Amino acid sequence: MKFNKINGEHLYFMVSNAAIKLENQSEFVNSLNVFPVPDGDTGTNMSMTFRAAVKEIEGLNNTNIAEVSKKLAKGALMGARGNSGVILSQILRGISKGLEGKEEVSASEFAYALLEGSKAAYKAVMRPTEGTILTIIRAAGEAATNVTIEDITELMAFVCKESKVMLDKTPEMLPALKKARVVDSGGMGLLIILQGMEEALRNNLKIESSSASIGKVVNSQNSATTNIEDIMFGYCTEFIILGDAKKANDFKDQIESLGDSLIVVGYDDVIKVHIHTNNPGKVLSYAVKLGELSKIKIDNMREEHREMLAEGYYNNSADEEIITTEDVVEMKKYAFISVAMGEGIKNIFKDLGVDYVIEGGQTMNPSTQDIIEAIDKLNAEHIFILPNNKNIIMAANQAAEISKKDIRVIPTTTIPQGITCITMFSPESDVDNNEEELKEIMKMVKTSSVTYAVRDTEVDGKEIKEGNILGLVEGKIKEVGKNPYEVAITLLDTLVDDESELITLFYGKDSNKEEVDELVSKIEEKYSDLDVQCYNGEQPLYYFIMSVE
């Protein structure tokens, strides 16, 4: 059908149809991902982001296109998941800017809004890469503004055609796409959105029936409520030893039998210790033999738990212990938010003093809204966020931009980087020095991981079959094998050098404990001069997450 002008109601039907089309084809978009590891796939992230945007304008009953597009952009901004979702939210933000102050728009005005969407997307990315979703929105904006068409349906058909032509060129822009013989997944997701919008106009604003179930956003924060009798070791004991960090592993072995939730991390001339124990005095007596003690903190966890119950700090409607800003009278100077998956890893972050752990990671990227909700629950002058995944950094930065609180995002891309940052944080330093220091410290952590291939592909000349064991170093595939324990040993060989002092392993829930112990013994024998620490991370998908420092 012909539309010389569209208003807010028209836009609602356009994007609603687009959301359904993207959701129905999200698995197809996921299949275009070149990287074969289990990850937060592009199609899923874009679909959930766009669905959140459309949900924001459902029932709005407003014909003002400026108001509708503004709400749409807000919904995308808060619901953005993964890098592709954040970029999509910025595209909608730019389109909203282009429609500002308009009750309805002509074809040329809508074309201008598409170009504004392109500008906003490029501006949001620090180092724009051509051959991605950015290239497709630029092609769409330029195509729309370089042609004179009065019918918006015809305009959108032309935009889709030119965007498809550009999408087909993306393999020539990115060698990885060419090798895999696919087009860019984010670009395909955007094209599906544009086609869905055009289809709604062509079919007189009819919305396609959804064959896919609408995914529900579930609050993923959960942990079992603890009973007092379940607290085996009652004193949470933390301190720093100003001494030789090379003695950290021996000290860990010495006090291991005195409690649980044990973390001992050495760095230069500092050893940071955390343990739940019934005899903190005995732990300290061993520690003082290694050097001067600093920042000693001992909390009676049973007493704290009784007080929390008495004062109603536990939220009975969920499994998670939540303390709101209203509950906390005194504001802290610093607070930490971390993203992690796996009960073991989440508990390690909590034990090290992280105030709020958002469950998420490779296959479940938290949204901007999830991060905002975590921020709102903390009462602190300065809040640090550790994303621990490259696909979550943009959402964290977006949350920091939205929040009125002082938020500092440390761009950690791995769990070990996040743990090192929280371990080496200095409560006495000012916020700017801490931010600068943590950004430098994280660079010193070399990370590798062992997972499996979810699809057949070829990466950097390596032929990969579905089910192969993959060894990654800093996110890049370095080893392909059949045994995760053998791949782990091979990976460490590439990471350890003359300056290495510490090897840390977090084994996943699919790892065999006996084989893990055997692996650790081999590592200790091979690298007898290095400290080796091993923790049960209970993380899914990854047999091992390992670091060398």
Protein backbone atom coordinates (compact mmCIF):
# COMPACT_ATOMS: atom_id res chain seq x y z
CA MET A 1 0.00 0.00 0.00
CA LYS A 2 1.15 3.54 -0.66
CA PHE A 3 2.11 5.82 2.26
CA ASN A 4 3.23 9.36 1.56
CA LYS A 5 3.42 10.00 5.31
CA ILE A 6 3.67 7.82 8.38
CA ASN A 7 2.87 8.61 12.02
CA GLY A 8 3.52 6.95 15.38
CA GLU A 9 0.82 4.32 14.93
CA HIS A 10 2.25 3.35 11.54
CA LEU A 11 5.72 3.07 13.06
CA TYR A 12 4.39 0.78 15.77
CA PHE A 13 3.02 -1.67 13.21
CA MET A 14 6.26 -1.49 11.20
CA VAL A 15 8.56 -2.32 14.09
CA SER A 16 6.17 -4.90 15.59
CA ASN A 17 6.23 -6.83 12.33
CA ALA A 18 10.00 -6.45 12.16
CA ALA A 19 10.40 -7.80 15.70
CA ILE A 20 8.41 -10.93 14.85
CA LYS A 21 10.38 -11.52 11.64
CA LEU A 22 13.69 -11.13 13.47
CA GLU A 23 12.59 -13.46 16.25
CA ASN A 24 11.49 -16.10 13.77
CA GLN A 25 14.83 -15.89 11.98
CA SER A 26 17.10 -15.35 14.99
CA GLU A 27 18.50 -18.90 14.79
CA PHE A 28 19.35 -18.35 11.13
CA VAL A 29 21.19 -15.15 12.08
CA ASN A 30 22.97 -17.07 14.85
CA SER A 31 24.11 -19.68 12.32
CA LEU A 32 26.00 -16.99 10.40
CA ASN A 33 28.35 -16.37 13.33
CA VAL A 34 31.82 -17.26 12.11
CA PHE A 35 33.31 -18.02 15.53
CA PRO A 36 32.40 -21.61 16.49
CA VAL A 37 32.49 -21.30 20.30
CA PRO A 38 29.26 -21.26 22.36
CA ASP A 39 28.63 -17.54 22.66
CA GLY A 40 25.91 -14.89 23.13
CA ASP A 41 24.76 -15.20 19.53
CA THR A 42 24.01 -12.13 17.42
CA GLY A 43 20.49 -13.13 16.37
CA THR A 44 19.39 -13.82 19.94
CA ASN A 45 20.87 -10.60 21.28
CA MET A 46 19.39 -8.45 18.50
CA SER A 47 15.98 -10.11 18.79
CA MET A 48 15.80 -9.67 22.57
CA THR A 49 16.92 -6.06 22.24
CA PHE A 50 14.36 -5.25 19.55
CA ARG A 51 11.63 -7.09 21.43
CA ALA A 52 12.35 -4.96 24.51
CA ALA A 53 12.10 -1.84 22.32
CA VAL A 54 8.73 -2.82 20.86
CA LYS A 55 7.39 -3.82 24.27
CA GLU A 56 8.04 -0.25 25.43
CA ILE A 57 5.53 1.12 22.90
CA GLU A 58 2.87 -1.59 23.18
CA GLY A 59 -0.44 -0.06 24.24
CA LEU A 60 0.98 3.47 23.90
CA ASN A 61 -1.90 4.55 21.65
CA ASN A 62 -0.01 7.58 20.35
CA THR A 63 0.10 8.82 16.76
CA ASN A 64 2.99 11.22 17.36
CA ILE A 65 5.96 9.59 15.63
CA ALA A 66 8.50 11.57 17.65
CA GLU A 67 7.05 10.33 20.93
CA VAL A 68 6.72 6.74 19.75
CA SER A 69 10.27 6.63 18.36
CA LYS A 70 11.60 8.14 21.57
CA LYS A 71 9.93 5.41 23.64
CA LEU A 72 11.13 2.78 21.17
CA ALA A 73 14.71 3.98 21.51
CA LYS A 74 14.45 3.99 25.29
CA GLY A 75 13.19 0.41 25.30
CA ALA A 76 16.09 -0.68 23.11
CA LEU A 77 18.56 1.24 25.23
CA MET A 78 17.47 -0.48 28.42
CA GLY A 79 17.03 -3.90 26.83
CA ALA A 80 20.24 -3.92 24.80
CA ARG A 81 22.15 -7.21 25.02
CA GLY A 82 25.58 -7.86 23.57
CA ASN A 83 27.49 -5.61 21.23
CA SER A 84 25.05 -6.12 18.37
CA GLY A 85 22.14 -5.20 20.64
CA VAL A 86 23.87 -2.06 21.89
CA ILE A 87 24.65 -0.95 18.33
CA LEU A 88 21.03 -1.62 17.34
CA SER A 89 19.86 0.49 20.28
CA GLN A 90 22.09 3.32 19.09
CA ILE A 91 20.64 3.06 15.58
CA LEU A 92 17.14 3.47 17.04
CA ARG A 93 18.40 6.33 19.18
CA GLY A 94 19.69 8.11 16.07
CA ILE A 95 16.45 7.48 14.19
CA SER A 96 14.56 8.97 17.13
CA LYS A 97 16.76 12.04 16.98
CA GLY A 98 15.96 12.39 13.28
CA LEU A 99 12.23 12.23 14.02
CA GLU A 100 12.37 14.72 16.89
CA GLY A 101 9.52 17.21 17.00
CA LYS A 102 7.52 15.48 14.24
CA GLU A 103 3.88 14.43 14.44
CA GLU A 104 4.24 12.56 11.14
CA VAL A 105 6.95 12.43 8.48
CA SER A 106 7.31 12.31 4.73
CA ALA A 107 9.57 9.93 2.83
CA SER A 108 12.43 12.43 2.75
CA GLU A 109 12.10 13.09 6.49
CA PHE A 110 12.12 9.37 7.28
CA ALA A 111 15.14 8.95 5.02
CA TYR A 112 16.93 11.63 7.05
CA ALA A 113 16.09 9.74 10.25
CA LEU A 114 17.65 6.55 8.86
CA LEU A 115 20.83 8.49 8.10
CA GLU A 116 20.84 9.82 11.66
CA GLY A 117 20.61 6.22 12.83
CA SER A 118 23.76 5.46 10.87
CA LYS A 119 25.63 8.44 12.35
CA ALA A 120 24.66 7.49 15.91
CA ALA A 121 25.82 3.89 15.42
CA TYR A 122 29.23 4.88 14.08
CA LYS A 123 29.65 7.41 16.86
CA ALA A 124 28.95 4.75 19.51
CA VAL A 125 31.73 2.42 18.36
CA MET A 126 35.29 3.36 19.26
CA ARG A 127 36.88 1.62 16.27
CA PRO A 128 34.20 1.06 13.58
CA THR A 129 34.76 -2.01 11.41
CA GLU A 130 33.39 -2.12 7.88
CA GLY A 131 31.63 -5.27 6.78
CA THR A 132 29.45 -5.29 9.89
CA ILE A 133 26.02 -4.00 10.92
CA LEU A 134 27.52 -0.49 10.76
CA THR A 135 28.10 -0.80 7.03
CA ILE A 136 24.52 -1.95 6.45
CA ILE A 137 22.89 0.92 8.35
CA ARG A 138 25.18 3.35 6.53
CA ALA A 139 24.12 1.83 3.20
CA ALA A 140 20.47 2.12 4.26
CA GLY A 141 20.80 5.76 5.31
CA GLU A 142 22.74 6.79 2.21
CA ALA A 143 20.40 4.93 -0.14
CA ALA A 144 17.37 6.57 1.46
CA THR A 145 18.74 10.12 1.27
CA ASN A 146 20.24 9.81 -2.21
CA VAL A 147 16.98 9.02 -3.95
CA THR A 148 13.79 11.04 -4.49
CA ILE A 149 10.81 8.80 -3.71
CA GLU A 150 7.56 10.11 -2.21
CA ASP A 151 6.01 6.75 -1.28
CA ILE A 152 7.56 5.47 1.96
CA THR A 153 6.66 1.87 1.07
CA GLU A 154 8.61 2.23 -2.18
CA LEU A 155 11.41 4.01 -0.31
CA MET A 156 11.77 1.14 2.19
CA ALA A 157 11.75 -1.40 -0.67
CA PHE A 158 14.63 0.51 -2.29
CA VAL A 159 16.48 0.73 1.06
CA CYS A 160 16.12 -3.04 1.56
CA LYS A 161 17.39 -3.72 -1.95
CA GLU A 162 20.48 -1.51 -1.52
CA SER A 163 21.14 -2.88 1.97
CA LYS A 164 21.01 -6.43 0.60
CA VAL A 165 23.52 -5.48 -2.13
CA MET A 166 25.86 -4.12 0.55
CA LEU A 167 25.32 -7.13 2.81
CA ASP A 168 26.38 -9.44 -0.03
CA LYS A 169 29.64 -7.48 -0.23
CA THR A 170 30.56 -7.97 3.44
CA PRO A 171 32.58 -11.16 2.78
CA GLU A 172 34.91 -9.05 0.61
CA MET A 173 35.40 -6.64 3.53
CA LEU A 174 36.10 -9.21 6.23
CA PRO A 175 38.32 -12.20 5.38
CA ALA A 176 36.76 -14.32 8.15
CA LEU A 177 33.36 -14.03 6.46
CA LYS A 178 34.82 -14.94 3.09
CA LYS A 179 36.51 -18.06 4.47
CA ALA A 180 33.30 -19.18 6.14
CA ARG A 181 31.27 -18.25 3.04
CA VAL A 182 28.72 -16.26 5.02
CA VAL A 183 27.59 -12.65 5.23
CA ASP A 184 27.81 -10.62 8.44
CA SER A 185 25.30 -11.82 11.05
CA GLY A 186 24.60 -8.37 12.52
CA GLY A 187 24.08 -6.94 9.05
CA MET A 188 21.65 -9.75 8.26
CA GLY A 189 19.74 -9.04 11.47
CA LEU A 190 19.38 -5.40 10.50
CA LEU A 191 18.27 -6.29 6.98
CA ILE A 192 15.56 -8.55 8.42
CA ILE A 193 14.34 -5.61 10.53
CA LEU A 194 14.24 -3.29 7.51
CA GLN A 195 12.43 -5.94 5.47
CA GLY A 196 9.92 -6.44 8.26
CA MET A 197 9.18 -2.72 8.34
CA GLU A 198 8.74 -2.59 4.56
CA GLU A 199 6.51 -5.69 4.60
CA ALA A 200 4.14 -4.10 7.14
CA LEU A 201 3.72 -1.05 4.90
CA ARG A 202 3.27 -3.15 1.77
CA ASN A 203 0.60 -5.29 3.48
CA ASN A 204 -1.32 -2.27 4.78
CA LEU A 205 0.13 -2.48 8.30
CA LYS A 206 -0.66 -6.13 8.86
CA ILE A 207 1.59 -7.88 11.38
CA GLU A 208 2.97 -11.32 10.57
CA SER A 209 1.76 -14.10 12.85
CA SER A 210 4.59 -15.29 15.05
CA SER A 211 5.58 -18.95 14.76
CA ALA A 212 8.15 -18.52 17.48
CA SER A 213 7.36 -18.21 21.15
CA ILE A 214 8.13 -14.84 22.66
CA GLY A 215 11.07 -15.25 25.00
CA LYS A 216 10.46 -14.08 28.52
CA VAL A 217 13.08 -12.06 30.32
CA VAL A 218 13.76 -13.88 33.56
CA ASN A 219 15.47 -12.38 36.57
CA SER A 220 18.56 -14.56 36.67
CA GLN A 221 19.77 -13.48 40.08
CA ASN A 222 19.31 -16.47 42.34
CA SER A 223 21.09 -18.19 45.14
CA ALA A 224 19.77 -20.42 47.89
CA THR A 225 18.78 -18.73 51.11
CA THR A 226 21.22 -19.81 53.79
CA ASN A 227 20.10 -21.17 57.16
CA ILE A 228 22.27 -20.38 60.18
CA GLU A 229 22.87 -24.08 60.82
CA ASP A 230 24.21 -24.38 57.27
CA ILE A 231 27.03 -21.90 58.00
CA MET A 232 29.78 -24.38 58.84
CA PHE A 233 32.53 -21.78 59.25
CA GLY A 234 31.30 -18.66 61.01
CA TYR A 235 33.97 -16.00 60.53
CA CYS A 236 34.64 -14.34 57.19
CA THR A 237 38.31 -13.41 57.52
CA GLU A 238 40.16 -11.13 55.10
CA PHE A 239 43.59 -9.57 55.30
CA ILE A 240 46.70 -8.69 53.33
CA ILE A 241 50.20 -10.02 53.99
CA LEU A 242 52.97 -7.62 53.05
CA GLY A 243 55.44 -10.31 52.07
CA ASP A 244 56.85 -12.48 49.29
CA ALA A 245 54.02 -13.37 46.86
CA LYS A 246 55.87 -16.53 45.82
CA LYS A 247 54.94 -18.04 49.20
CA ALA A 248 51.21 -17.65 48.51
CA ASN A 249 50.65 -21.22 47.37
CA ASP A 250 52.47 -22.77 50.37
CA PHE A 251 50.41 -20.57 52.71
CA LYS A 252 47.22 -21.65 50.96
CA ASP A 253 48.12 -25.31 51.55
CA GLN A 254 48.89 -24.54 55.20
CA ILE A 255 45.50 -23.03 56.03
CA GLU A 256 43.28 -24.97 53.63
CA SER A 257 42.06 -27.34 56.35
CA LEU A 258 41.00 -24.42 58.59
CA GLY A 259 37.95 -23.41 56.55
CA ASP A 260 36.35 -23.00 53.14
CA SER A 261 35.79 -20.31 50.48
CA LEU A 262 39.55 -19.94 50.48
CA ILE A 263 41.18 -17.42 48.16
CA VAL A 264 44.91 -16.72 48.32
CA VAL A 265 46.32 -14.47 45.61
CA GLY A 266 49.89 -13.21 45.42
CA TYR A 267 51.06 -10.17 43.49
CA ASP A 268 54.60 -8.72 43.75
CA ASP A 269 55.15 -8.21 47.51
CA VAL A 270 51.49 -8.57 48.52
CA ILE A 271 49.39 -11.64 49.36
CA LYS A 272 45.64 -11.15 49.67
CA VAL A 273 43.78 -13.76 51.74
CA HIS A 274 40.09 -14.58 52.16
CA ILE A 275 38.77 -17.55 54.17
CA HIS A 276 35.65 -18.62 56.04
CA THR A 277 36.91 -20.22 59.26
CA ASN A 278 36.02 -20.95 62.88
CA ASN A 279 39.51 -20.01 64.03
CA PRO A 280 40.62 -16.68 62.52
CA GLY A 281 43.31 -16.33 65.19
CA LYS A 282 45.04 -19.48 64.04
CA VAL A 283 44.93 -18.32 60.42
CA LEU A 284 46.47 -14.97 61.39
CA SER A 285 49.16 -16.66 63.49
CA TYR A 286 50.34 -18.56 60.42
CA ALA A 287 50.07 -15.45 58.25
CA VAL A 288 52.17 -13.19 60.47
CA LYS A 289 55.13 -15.52 59.94
CA LEU A 290 55.20 -14.46 56.28
CA GLY A 291 55.18 -10.71 56.85
CA GLU A 292 53.35 -7.71 58.24
CA LEU A 293 49.54 -7.93 58.22
CA SER A 294 47.34 -5.18 56.86
CA LYS A 295 43.61 -4.44 56.37
CA ILE A 296 42.44 -7.21 58.69
CA LYS A 297 38.66 -7.70 58.57
CA ILE A 298 36.77 -10.40 60.51
CA ASP A 299 32.97 -10.65 60.26
CA ASN A 300 30.70 -12.99 62.24
CA MET A 301 28.54 -14.38 59.44
CA ARG A 302 26.06 -16.11 61.76
CA GLU A 303 25.43 -12.87 63.62
CA GLU A 304 25.01 -10.92 60.38
CA HIS A 305 22.58 -13.52 59.10
CA ARG A 306 20.43 -13.31 62.27
CA GLU A 307 20.37 -9.50 62.00
CA MET A 308 19.36 -9.66 58.36
CA LEU A 309 16.48 -11.99 59.16
CA ALA A 310 15.34 -9.85 62.08
CA GLU A 311 15.41 -6.65 60.05
CA GLY A 312 13.72 -8.12 57.00
CA TYR A 313 16.59 -7.64 54.58
CA TYR A 314 15.85 -10.88 52.75
CA ASN A 315 13.44 -10.69 49.88
CA ASN A 316 11.01 -13.57 50.40
CA SER A 317 9.72 -13.37 46.83
CA ALA A 318 13.02 -14.51 45.35
CA ASP A 319 15.98 -16.66 46.24
CA GLU A 320 18.43 -13.75 46.05
CA GLU A 321 19.44 -11.74 49.07
CA ILE A 322 18.78 -8.14 48.09
CA ILE A 323 19.66 -5.04 50.04
CA THR A 324 18.16 -1.90 48.58
CA THR A 325 19.57 1.60 48.87
CA GLU A 326 16.74 2.44 51.24
CA ASP A 327 17.84 -0.36 53.58
CA VAL A 328 21.41 0.89 53.82
CA VAL A 329 21.66 4.07 55.89
CA GLU A 330 25.35 4.73 55.51
CA MET A 331 26.76 5.20 52.02
CA LYS A 332 29.89 3.23 51.15
CA LYS A 333 32.76 4.84 49.31
CA TYR A 334 33.17 1.99 46.82
CA ALA A 335 31.00 -0.83 45.50
CA PHE A 336 31.55 -3.48 42.83
CA ILE A 337 29.30 -5.15 40.28
CA SER A 338 30.61 -8.17 38.41
CA VAL A 339 29.21 -10.43 35.71
CA ALA A 340 29.86 -14.16 36.08
CA MET A 341 28.41 -17.56 35.28
CA GLY A 342 28.91 -20.67 37.39
CA GLU A 343 28.12 -20.92 41.11
CA GLY A 344 31.77 -21.41 42.04
CA ILE A 345 32.94 -18.33 40.18
CA LYS A 346 30.03 -16.24 41.46
CA ASN A 347 30.85 -17.22 45.04
CA ILE A 348 34.52 -16.34 44.54
CA PHE A 349 33.56 -12.83 43.45
CA LYS A 350 31.19 -12.46 46.40
CA ASP A 351 33.83 -13.73 48.81
CA LEU A 352 36.30 -11.20 47.45
CA GLY A 353 33.92 -8.37 48.25
CA VAL A 354 31.88 -7.85 45.07
CA ASP A 355 28.57 -6.34 46.16
CA TYR A 356 26.40 -7.62 43.32
CA VAL A 357 27.05 -10.46 40.89
CA ILE A 358 24.93 -10.48 37.74
CA GLU A 359 24.54 -13.96 36.35
CA GLY A 360 25.64 -13.92 32.74
CA GLY A 361 28.44 -14.56 30.31
CA GLN A 362 28.94 -16.21 26.96
CA THR A 363 25.45 -17.44 26.12
CA MET A 364 23.53 -15.06 28.36
CA ASN A 365 24.56 -11.45 27.96
CA PRO A 366 22.82 -9.28 30.58
CA SER A 367 20.94 -6.28 29.23
CA THR A 368 21.57 -2.65 30.01
CA GLN A 369 18.44 -2.82 32.19
CA ASP A 370 19.89 -5.74 34.20
CA ILE A 371 22.99 -3.69 34.92
CA ILE A 372 20.98 -0.57 35.78
CA GLU A 373 18.92 -2.58 38.28
CA ALA A 374 22.12 -3.82 39.93
CA ILE A 375 23.43 -0.24 40.12
CA ASP A 376 20.19 0.95 41.71
CA LYS A 377 20.51 -1.62 44.50
CA LEU A 378 23.88 -0.24 45.63
CA ASN A 379 24.45 2.77 47.85
CA ALA A 380 27.99 3.95 47.16
CA GLU A 381 29.83 7.07 46.05
CA HIS A 382 31.63 5.19 43.28
CA ILE A 383 30.57 1.94 41.62
CA PHE A 384 32.96 -0.18 39.56
CA ILE A 385 31.61 -2.64 36.98
CA LEU A 386 33.60 -5.69 35.84
CA PRO A 387 31.88 -7.06 32.69
CA ASN A 388 34.38 -9.96 32.30
CA ASN A 389 33.25 -10.50 28.71
CA LYS A 390 33.92 -8.42 25.60
CA ASN A 391 30.30 -8.77 24.53
CA ILE A 392 29.03 -7.12 27.73
CA ILE A 393 31.32 -4.07 27.86
CA MET A 394 29.15 -1.92 25.59
CA ALA A 395 26.01 -2.65 27.64
CA ALA A 396 27.93 -1.78 30.82
CA ASN A 397 29.14 1.50 29.29
CA GLN A 398 25.59 2.27 28.21
CA ALA A 399 24.34 1.64 31.74
CA ALA A 400 27.05 3.94 33.10
CA GLU A 401 25.94 6.66 30.70
CA ILE A 402 22.30 6.32 31.75
CA SER A 403 22.88 6.16 35.51
CA LYS A 404 23.16 9.35 37.54
CA LYS A 405 25.64 7.64 39.88
CA ASP A 406 29.42 7.69 39.42
CA ILE A 407 30.00 4.47 37.46
CA ARG A 408 33.44 3.28 36.37
CA VAL A 409 33.54 0.42 33.85
CA ILE A 410 36.77 -1.55 33.92
CA PRO A 411 36.75 -3.28 30.49
CA THR A 412 37.63 -6.78 31.71
CA THR A 413 37.05 -9.41 29.05
CA THR A 414 37.71 -12.52 31.13
CA ILE A 415 36.89 -13.92 34.56
CA PRO A 416 40.57 -14.01 35.65
CA GLN A 417 40.97 -10.33 34.75
CA GLY A 418 37.95 -9.50 36.91
CA ILE A 419 39.23 -11.53 39.86
CA THR A 420 42.66 -9.91 39.66
CA CYS A 421 41.09 -6.44 39.57
CA ILE A 422 38.94 -6.99 42.65
CA THR A 423 41.88 -8.59 44.44
CA MET A 424 44.26 -5.73 43.77
CA PHE A 425 41.77 -2.91 44.36
CA SER A 426 42.95 -0.36 46.91
CA PRO A 427 40.16 1.08 49.12
CA GLU A 428 42.52 3.82 50.34
CA SER A 429 43.25 5.22 46.85
CA ASP A 430 41.06 7.81 45.19
CA VAL A 431 38.63 6.71 42.50
CA ASP A 432 40.57 8.04 39.49
CA ASN A 433 43.80 6.34 40.56
CA ASN A 434 41.94 3.10 41.20
CA GLU A 435 40.31 3.20 37.77
CA GLU A 436 43.63 3.86 36.03
CA GLU A 437 45.43 1.21 38.09
CA LEU A 438 42.84 -1.51 37.46
CA LYS A 439 42.88 -0.86 33.73
CA GLU A 440 46.64 -1.42 33.77
CA ILE A 441 46.53 -4.44 36.09
CA MET A 442 44.01 -6.30 33.90
CA LYS A 443 46.43 -6.13 30.96
CA MET A 444 48.96 -8.21 32.91
CA VAL A 445 46.61 -11.21 33.10
CA LYS A 446 46.98 -13.71 30.25
CA THR A 447 43.81 -15.77 29.85
CA SER A 448 43.03 -18.99 28.04
CA SER A 449 40.01 -21.26 27.99
CA VAL A 450 38.96 -24.70 26.80
CA THR A 451 35.53 -25.26 25.26
CA TYR A 452 33.97 -27.10 22.31
CA ALA A 453 32.94 -26.21 18.76
CA VAL A 454 29.23 -25.73 18.11
CA ARG A 455 29.55 -25.71 14.31
CA ASP A 456 31.84 -26.73 11.45
CA THR A 457 34.03 -23.92 10.18
CA GLU A 458 37.57 -22.86 9.34
CA VAL A 459 39.42 -20.25 11.42
CA ASP A 460 42.96 -19.04 10.67
CA GLY A 461 43.63 -22.08 8.50
CA LYS A 462 42.38 -24.52 11.16
CA GLU A 463 39.61 -26.86 10.04
CA ILE A 464 37.12 -27.25 12.87
CA LYS A 465 34.35 -29.81 13.18
CA GLU A 466 31.36 -29.59 15.49
CA GLY A 467 32.28 -31.17 18.82
CA ASN A 468 36.03 -30.56 18.52
CA ILE A 469 37.73 -29.31 21.69
CA LEU A 470 38.92 -25.73 21.24
CA GLY A 471 41.72 -24.00 23.11
CA LEU A 472 41.48 -20.20 23.12
CA VAL A 473 44.05 -17.62 24.13
CA GLU A 474 42.67 -14.11 24.67
CA GLY A 475 39.55 -15.18 22.76
CA LYS A 476 41.41 -16.49 19.69
CA ILE A 477 41.47 -20.17 18.74
CA LYS A 478 44.98 -21.54 19.16
CA GLU A 479 44.42 -25.28 19.58
CA VAL A 480 41.97 -27.82 18.16
CA GLY A 481 41.89 -31.29 19.71
CA LYS A 482 39.77 -34.09 21.09
CA ASN A 483 40.71 -34.11 24.80
CA PRO A 484 40.08 -31.01 26.95
CA TYR A 485 42.82 -31.93 29.45
CA GLU A 486 45.45 -32.34 26.75
CA VAL A 487 44.39 -29.07 25.11
CA ALA A 488 44.65 -27.32 28.50
CA ILE A 489 48.28 -28.44 28.96
CA THR A 490 49.18 -27.35 25.42
CA LEU A 491 47.60 -23.92 25.97
CA LEU A 492 49.60 -23.31 29.13
CA ASP A 493 52.80 -24.09 27.22
CA THR A 494 52.05 -21.12 24.96
CA LEU A 495 51.32 -18.77 27.88
CA VAL A 496 54.02 -19.50 30.46
CA ASP A 497 57.26 -17.53 30.08
CA ASP A 498 60.26 -16.60 32.22
CA GLU A 499 58.30 -13.87 34.03
CA SER A 500 55.33 -16.06 34.94
CA GLU A 501 54.67 -16.64 38.64
CA LEU A 502 51.10 -17.91 39.00
CA ILE A 503 48.83 -20.31 37.12
CA THR A 504 45.13 -20.32 38.05
CA LEU A 505 42.53 -22.82 36.79
CA PHE A 506 38.76 -22.69 37.14
CA TYR A 507 37.26 -26.01 36.08
CA GLY A 508 33.71 -26.26 34.77
CA LYS A 509 30.77 -28.41 35.72
CA ASP A 510 31.42 -30.76 32.78
CA SER A 511 34.96 -31.53 33.96
CA ASN A 512 35.83 -34.76 35.73
CA LYS A 513 37.30 -34.10 39.21
CA GLU A 514 39.74 -37.00 39.09
CA GLU A 515 41.05 -35.94 35.70
CA VAL A 516 41.24 -32.33 36.93
CA ASP A 517 43.39 -33.43 39.88
CA GLU A 518 45.62 -35.41 37.53
CA LEU A 519 45.95 -32.36 35.26
CA VAL A 520 46.89 -30.11 38.19
CA SER A 521 49.55 -32.61 39.29
CA LYS A 522 51.06 -32.59 35.79
CA ILE A 523 51.06 -28.79 35.73
CA GLU A 524 52.68 -28.57 39.16
CA GLU A 525 55.34 -31.05 38.11
CA LYS A 526 56.00 -29.30 34.81
CA TYR A 527 56.07 -25.80 36.28
CA SER A 528 57.55 -26.51 39.69
CA ASP A 529 58.75 -22.91 40.09
CA LEU A 530 55.25 -21.47 39.67
CA ASP A 531 52.33 -21.32 42.08
CA VAL A 532 49.36 -23.33 40.78
CA GLN A 533 45.85 -22.64 42.09
CA CYS A 534 42.73 -24.59 41.11
CA TYR A 535 39.09 -23.74 41.88
CA ASN A 536 35.77 -25.34 41.04
CA GLY A 537 34.15 -22.59 38.99
CA GLU A 538 31.13 -24.75 38.06
CA GLN A 539 30.87 -22.72 34.85
CA PRO A 540 28.89 -24.20 31.95
CA LEU A 541 30.25 -24.67 28.41
CA TYR A 542 33.90 -24.16 29.35
CA TYR A 543 35.91 -27.11 30.68
CA PHE A 544 38.59 -24.72 31.88
CA ILE A 545 39.18 -21.00 32.27
CA MET A 546 42.88 -20.47 32.96
CA SER A 547 45.17 -17.54 33.59
CA VAL A 548 48.91 -16.96 33.85
CA GLU A 549 50.31 -14.00 35.75
